[in-house]
């Protein structure tokens, strides 16, 4: 499970790197990364804990960027 979370974290990081000038919503991540939402959330938590992503609360939702 940890390996899968790490792989998805890498996919998220690469997606956000391609969208460097934008931020992404959870919906955007789910559309581009075909993994269950729980795995995406765990991977985002990993990236956030390591300081690799920025989380912002915008209009009642969260947006993610590098």
PDB file of N, CA and C in Angstrom:
ATOM      1  N   UNK A   1       0.825  -1.195   0.000  1.00  0.00           N
ATOM      2  CA  UNK A   1       0.000   0.000   0.000  1.00  0.00           C
ATOM      3  C   UNK A   1       0.868   1.257   0.000  1.00  0.00           C
ATOM      4  N   UNK A   2       1.926   1.264   0.823  1.00  0.00           N
ATOM      5  CA  UNK A   2       2.800   2.438   0.897  1.00  0.00           C
ATOM      6  C   UNK A   2       3.441   2.707  -0.460  1.00  0.00           C
ATOM      7  N   UNK A   3       3.830   1.642  -1.153  1.00  0.00           N
ATOM      8  CA  UNK A   3       4.439   1.811  -2.477  1.00  0.00           C
ATOM      9  C   UNK A   3       3.448   2.459  -3.433  1.00  0.00           C
ATOM     10  N   UNK A   4       2.204   2.004  -3.412  1.00  0.00           N
ATOM     11  CA  UNK A   4       1.170   2.563  -4.295  1.00  0.00           C
ATOM     12  C   UNK A   4       0.939   4.041  -3.985  1.00  0.00           C
ATOM     13  N   UNK A   5       0.873   4.391  -2.706  1.00  0.00           N
ATOM     14  CA  UNK A   5       0.677   5.785  -2.306  1.00  0.00           C
ATOM     15  C   UNK A   5       1.837   6.640  -2.811  1.00  0.00           C
ATOM     16  N   UNK A   6       3.053   6.118  -2.704  1.00  0.00           N
ATOM     17  CA  UNK A   6       4.226   6.843  -3.188  1.00  0.00           C
ATOM     18  C   UNK A   6       4.211   7.028  -4.691  1.00  0.00           C
ATOM     19  N   UNK A   7       3.798   6.007  -5.417  1.00  0.00           N
ATOM     20  CA  UNK A   7       3.718   6.108  -6.884  1.00  0.00           C
ATOM     21  C   UNK A   7       2.686   7.156  -7.280  1.00  0.00           C
ATOM     22  N   UNK A   8       1.530   7.137  -6.629  1.00  0.00           N
ATOM     23  CA  UNK A   8       0.481   8.121  -6.931  1.00  0.00           C
ATOM     24  C   UNK A   8       0.948   9.518  -6.538  1.00  0.00           C
ATOM     25  N   UNK A   9       1.691   9.642  -5.445  1.00  0.00           N
ATOM     26  CA  UNK A   9       2.238  10.945  -5.051  1.00  0.00           C
ATOM     27  C   UNK A   9       3.128  11.479  -6.177  1.00  0.00           C
ATOM     28  N   UNK A  10       3.915  10.608  -6.784  1.00  0.00           N
ATOM     29  CA  UNK A  10       4.749  11.016  -7.918  1.00  0.00           C
ATOM     30  C   UNK A  10       3.914  11.465  -9.108  1.00  0.00           C
ATOM     31  N   UNK A  11       2.829  10.753  -9.373  1.00  0.00           N
ATOM     32  CA  UNK A  11       1.939  11.140 -10.470  1.00  0.00           C
ATOM     33  C   UNK A  11       1.319  12.509 -10.205  1.00  0.00           C
ATOM     34  N   UNK A  12       0.902  12.746  -8.971  1.00  0.00           N
ATOM     35  CA  UNK A  12       0.322  14.041  -8.609  1.00  0.00           C
ATOM     36  C   UNK A  12       1.358  15.139  -8.795  1.00  0.00           C
ATOM     37  N   UNK A  13       2.565  14.901  -8.308  1.00  0.00           N
ATOM     38  CA  UNK A  13       3.628  15.895  -8.406  1.00  0.00           C
ATOM     39  C   UNK A  13       3.906  16.244  -9.867  1.00  0.00           C
ATOM     40  N   UNK A  14       3.989  15.225 -10.719  1.00  0.00           N
ATOM     41  CA  UNK A  14       4.239  15.481 -12.150  1.00  0.00           C
ATOM     42  C   UNK A  14       3.077  16.241 -12.791  1.00  0.00           C
ATOM     43  N   UNK A  15       1.857  15.915 -12.416  1.00  0.00           N
ATOM     44  CA  UNK A  15       0.695  16.635 -12.943  1.00  0.00           C
ATOM     45  C   UNK A  15       0.739  18.101 -12.524  1.00  0.00           C
ATOM     46  N   UNK A  16       1.020  18.351 -11.255  1.00  0.00           N
ATOM     47  CA  UNK A  16       1.084  19.732 -10.781  1.00  0.00           C
ATOM     48  C   UNK A  16       2.263  20.477 -11.399  1.00  0.00           C
ATOM     49  N   UNK A  17       3.342  19.759 -11.663  1.00  0.00           N
ATOM     50  CA  UNK A  17       4.493  20.403 -12.312  1.00  0.00           C
ATOM     51  C   UNK A  17       4.135  20.864 -13.723  1.00  0.00           C
ATOM     52  N   UNK A  18       3.354  20.063 -14.445  1.00  0.00           N
ATOM     53  CA  UNK A  18       2.914  20.454 -15.791  1.00  0.00           C
ATOM     54  C   UNK A  18       1.980  21.665 -15.730  1.00  0.00           C
ATOM     55  N   UNK A  19       1.246  21.804 -14.635  1.00  0.00           N
ATOM     56  CA  UNK A  19       0.303  22.915 -14.474  1.00  0.00           C
ATOM     57  C   UNK A  19       0.909  23.984 -13.575  1.00  0.00           C
ATOM     58  N   UNK A  20       2.199  24.188 -13.659  1.00  0.00           N
ATOM     59  CA  UNK A  20       2.971  25.032 -12.735  1.00  0.00           C
ATOM     60  C   UNK A  20       2.306  26.388 -12.476  1.00  0.00           C
ATOM     61  N   UNK A  21       1.704  26.997 -13.452  1.00  0.00           N
ATOM     62  CA  UNK A  21       1.122  28.326 -13.286  1.00  0.00           C
ATOM     63  C   UNK A  21      -0.293  28.278 -12.714  1.00  0.00           C
ATOM     64  N   UNK A  22      -0.838  27.090 -12.552  1.00  0.00           N
ATOM     65  CA  UNK A  22      -2.209  26.950 -12.066  1.00  0.00           C
ATOM     66  C   UNK A  22      -2.227  26.128 -10.790  1.00  0.00           C
ATOM     67  N   UNK A  23      -3.360  26.115 -10.141  1.00  0.00           N
ATOM     68  CA  UNK A  23      -3.548  25.167  -9.057  1.00  0.00           C
ATOM     69  C   UNK A  23      -4.640  24.192  -9.484  1.00  0.00           C
ATOM     70  N   UNK A  24      -4.729  23.072  -8.813  1.00  0.00           N
ATOM     71  CA  UNK A  24      -5.673  22.034  -9.214  1.00  0.00           C
ATOM     72  C   UNK A  24      -6.580  21.683  -8.044  1.00  0.00           C
ATOM     73  N   UNK A  25      -7.817  21.378  -8.368  1.00  0.00           N
ATOM     74  CA  UNK A  25      -8.766  20.896  -7.366  1.00  0.00           C
ATOM     75  C   UNK A  25      -8.679  19.375  -7.303  1.00  0.00           C
ATOM     76  N   UNK A  26      -9.230  18.808  -6.260  1.00  0.00           N
ATOM     77  CA  UNK A  26      -9.255  17.357  -6.133  1.00  0.00           C
ATOM     78  C   UNK A  26      -9.913  16.725  -7.353  1.00  0.00           C
ATOM     79  N   UNK A  27     -10.957  17.362  -7.864  1.00  0.00           N
ATOM     80  CA  UNK A  27     -11.634  16.872  -9.063  1.00  0.00           C
ATOM     81  C   UNK A  27     -10.658  16.767 -10.233  1.00  0.00           C
ATOM     82  N   UNK A  28      -9.804  17.782 -10.405  1.00  0.00           N
ATOM     83  CA  UNK A  28      -8.817  17.776 -11.488  1.00  0.00           C
ATOM     84  C   UNK A  28      -7.855  16.602 -11.337  1.00  0.00           C
ATOM     85  N   UNK A  29      -7.428  16.371 -10.118  1.00  0.00           N
ATOM     86  CA  UNK A  29      -6.507  15.259  -9.873  1.00  0.00           C
ATOM     87  C   UNK A  29      -7.178  13.927 -10.175  1.00  0.00           C
ATOM     88  N   UNK A  30      -8.414  13.766  -9.720  1.00  0.00           N
ATOM     89  CA  UNK A  30      -9.140  12.514  -9.944  1.00  0.00           C
ATOM     90  C   UNK A  30      -9.398  12.274 -11.424  1.00  0.00           C
ATOM     91  N   UNK A  31      -9.618  13.332 -12.185  1.00  0.00           N
ATOM     92  CA  UNK A  31      -9.847  13.200 -13.624  1.00  0.00           C
ATOM     93  C   UNK A  31      -8.598  12.707 -14.352  1.00  0.00           C
ATOM     94  N   UNK A  32      -7.435  13.120 -13.878  1.00  0.00           N
ATOM     95  CA  UNK A  32      -6.181  12.814 -14.557  1.00  0.00           C
ATOM     96  C   UNK A  32      -5.439  11.620 -13.983  1.00  0.00           C
ATOM     97  N   UNK A  33      -5.746  11.249 -12.771  1.00  0.00           N
ATOM     98  CA  UNK A  33      -5.087  10.122 -12.126  1.00  0.00           C
ATOM     99  C   UNK A  33      -6.162   9.101 -11.804  1.00  0.00           C
ATOM    100  N   UNK A  34      -6.129   8.009 -12.493  1.00  0.00           N
ATOM    101  CA  UNK A  34      -7.180   6.997 -12.362  1.00  0.00           C
ATOM    102  C   UNK A  34      -6.906   6.068 -11.173  1.00  0.00           C
ATOM    103  N   UNK A  35      -7.064   6.624 -10.000  1.00  0.00           N
ATOM    104  CA  UNK A  35      -6.908   5.894  -8.740  1.00  0.00           C
ATOM    105  C   UNK A  35      -8.089   6.269  -7.851  1.00  0.00           C
ATOM    106  N   UNK A  36      -8.408   5.427  -6.870  1.00  0.00           N
ATOM    107  CA  UNK A  36      -9.489   5.774  -5.941  1.00  0.00           C
ATOM    108  C   UNK A  36      -9.171   7.073  -5.187  1.00  0.00           C
ATOM    109  N   UNK A  37     -10.200   7.814  -4.873  1.00  0.00           N
ATOM    110  CA  UNK A  37     -10.032   9.091  -4.198  1.00  0.00           C
ATOM    111  C   UNK A  37      -9.257   8.944  -2.887  1.00  0.00           C
ATOM    112  N   UNK A  38      -9.462   7.849  -2.173  1.00  0.00           N
ATOM    113  CA  UNK A  38      -8.754   7.635  -0.904  1.00  0.00           C
ATOM    114  C   UNK A  38      -7.246   7.585  -1.110  1.00  0.00           C
ATOM    115  N   UNK A  39      -6.796   6.928  -2.176  1.00  0.00           N
ATOM    116  CA  UNK A  39      -5.363   6.837  -2.469  1.00  0.00           C
ATOM    117  C   UNK A  39      -4.831   8.214  -2.849  1.00  0.00           C
ATOM    118  N   UNK A  40      -5.593   8.959  -3.631  1.00  0.00           N
ATOM    119  CA  UNK A  40      -5.178  10.315  -4.013  1.00  0.00           C
ATOM    120  C   UNK A  40      -5.054  11.186  -2.771  1.00  0.00           C
ATOM    121  N   UNK A  41      -6.002  11.087  -1.857  1.00  0.00           N
ATOM    122  CA  UNK A  41      -5.945  11.890  -0.625  1.00  0.00           C
ATOM    123  C   UNK A  41      -4.753  11.504   0.244  1.00  0.00           C
ATOM    124  N   UNK A  42      -4.483  10.213   0.358  1.00  0.00           N
ATOM    125  CA  UNK A  42      -3.322   9.782   1.133  1.00  0.00           C
ATOM    126  C   UNK A  42      -2.027  10.284   0.495  1.00  0.00           C
ATOM    127  N   UNK A  43      -1.976  10.245  -0.815  1.00  0.00           N
ATOM    128  CA  UNK A  43      -0.798  10.719  -1.537  1.00  0.00           C
ATOM    129  C   UNK A  43      -0.619  12.221  -1.377  1.00  0.00           C
ATOM    130  N   UNK A  44      -1.709  12.959  -1.404  1.00  0.00           N
ATOM    131  CA  UNK A  44      -1.639  14.402  -1.162  1.00  0.00           C
ATOM    132  C   UNK A  44      -1.148  14.695   0.253  1.00  0.00           C
ATOM    133  N   UNK A  45      -1.610  13.914   1.205  1.00  0.00           N
ATOM    134  CA  UNK A  45      -1.146  14.082   2.579  1.00  0.00           C
ATOM    135  C   UNK A  45       0.350  13.845   2.688  1.00  0.00           C
ATOM    136  N   UNK A  46       0.827  12.842   1.987  1.00  0.00           N
ATOM    137  CA  UNK A  46       2.259  12.544   1.970  1.00  0.00           C
ATOM    138  C   UNK A  46       3.025  13.747   1.411  1.00  0.00           C
ATOM    139  N   UNK A  47       2.579  14.236   0.265  1.00  0.00           N
ATOM    140  CA  UNK A  47       3.253  15.376  -0.375  1.00  0.00           C
ATOM    141  C   UNK A  47       3.192  16.624   0.507  1.00  0.00           C
ATOM    142  N   UNK A  48       2.066  16.848   1.156  1.00  0.00           N
ATOM    143  CA  UNK A  48       1.918  18.022   2.020  1.00  0.00           C
ATOM    144  C   UNK A  48       2.841  17.905   3.237  1.00  0.00           C
ATOM    145  N   UNK A  49       2.902  16.732   3.821  1.00  0.00           N
ATOM    146  CA  UNK A  49       3.748  16.519   4.998  1.00  0.00           C
ATOM    147  C   UNK A  49       5.217  16.737   4.656  1.00  0.00           C
ATOM    148  N   UNK A  50       5.607  16.359   3.459  1.00  0.00           N
ATOM    149  CA  UNK A  50       6.994  16.527   3.022  1.00  0.00           C
ATOM    150  C   UNK A  50       7.269  17.945   2.515  1.00  0.00           C
ATOM    151  N   UNK A  51       6.229  18.781   2.455  1.00  0.00           N
ATOM    152  CA  UNK A  51       6.405  20.163   2.012  1.00  0.00           C
ATOM    153  C   UNK A  51       6.518  20.319   0.505  1.00  0.00           C
ATOM    154  N   UNK A  52       5.990  19.350  -0.250  1.00  0.00           N
ATOM    155  CA  UNK A  52       6.096  19.388  -1.712  1.00  0.00           C
ATOM    156  C   UNK A  52       4.885  20.012  -2.400  1.00  0.00           C
ATOM    157  N   UNK A  53       3.785  20.178  -1.679  1.00  0.00           N
ATOM    158  CA  UNK A  53       2.610  20.829  -2.263  1.00  0.00           C
ATOM    159  C   UNK A  53       2.101  21.903  -1.315  1.00  0.00           C
ATOM    160  N   UNK A  54       1.420  22.861  -1.894  1.00  0.00           N
ATOM    161  CA  UNK A  54       0.771  23.933  -1.143  1.00  0.00           C
ATOM    162  C   UNK A  54      -0.728  23.697  -1.238  1.00  0.00           C
ATOM    163  N   UNK A  55      -1.399  23.729  -0.102  1.00  0.00           N
ATOM    164  CA  UNK A  55      -2.850  23.580  -0.077  1.00  0.00           C
ATOM    165  C   UNK A  55      -3.461  24.925   0.269  1.00  0.00           C
ATOM    166  N   UNK A  56      -4.455  25.321  -0.511  1.00  0.00           N
ATOM    167  CA  UNK A  56      -5.158  26.576  -0.255  1.00  0.00           C
ATOM    168  C   UNK A  56      -6.652  26.290  -0.197  1.00  0.00           C
ATOM    169  N   UNK A  57      -7.326  26.910   0.734  1.00  0.00           N
ATOM    170  CA  UNK A  57      -8.788  26.794   0.789  1.00  0.00           C
ATOM    171  C   UNK A  57      -9.364  27.950  -0.009  1.00  0.00           C
ATOM    172  N   UNK A  58     -10.077  27.630  -1.080  1.00  0.00           N
ATOM    173  CA  UNK A  58     -10.646  28.635  -1.975  1.00  0.00           C
ATOM    174  C   UNK A  58     -12.113  28.283  -2.221  1.00  0.00           C
ATOM    175  N   UNK A  59     -12.990  29.212  -1.932  1.00  0.00           N
ATOM    176  CA  UNK A  59     -14.432  29.036  -2.171  1.00  0.00           C
ATOM    177  C   UNK A  59     -14.973  27.735  -1.577  1.00  0.00           C
ATOM    178  N   UNK A  60     -14.572  27.412  -0.374  1.00  0.00           N
ATOM    179  CA  UNK A  60     -15.091  26.238   0.292  1.00  0.00           C
ATOM    180  C   UNK A  60     -14.456  24.925  -0.115  1.00  0.00           C
ATOM    181  N   UNK A  61     -13.495  24.967  -1.034  1.00  0.00           N
ATOM    182  CA  UNK A  61     -12.799  23.757  -1.463  1.00  0.00           C
ATOM    183  C   UNK A  61     -11.310  23.941  -1.317  1.00  0.00           C
ATOM    184  N   UNK A  62     -10.571  22.912  -1.630  1.00  0.00           N
ATOM    185  CA  UNK A  62      -9.113  22.988  -1.535  1.00  0.00           C
ATOM    186  C   UNK A  62      -8.508  22.937  -2.931  1.00  0.00           C
ATOM    187  N   UNK A  63      -7.443  23.709  -3.107  1.00  0.00           N
ATOM    188  CA  UNK A  63      -6.687  23.731  -4.359  1.00  0.00           C
ATOM    189  C   UNK A  63      -5.250  23.375  -4.010  1.00  0.00           C
ATOM    190  N   UNK A  64      -4.586  22.700  -4.921  1.00  0.00           N
ATOM    191  CA  UNK A  64      -3.234  22.199  -4.705  1.00  0.00           C
ATOM    192  C   UNK A  64      -2.300  22.741  -5.770  1.00  0.00           C
ATOM    193  N   UNK A  65      -1.090  23.086  -5.353  1.00  0.00           N
ATOM    194  CA  UNK A  65      -0.066  23.562  -6.311  1.00  0.00           C
ATOM    195  C   UNK A  65       1.300  23.224  -5.736  1.00  0.00           C
ATOM    196  N   UNK A  66       2.323  23.421  -6.554  1.00  0.00           N
ATOM    197  CA  UNK A  66       3.692  23.187  -6.083  1.00  0.00           C
ATOM    198  C   UNK A  66       4.234  24.439  -5.427  1.00  0.00           C
TER     199      UNK A  66
END
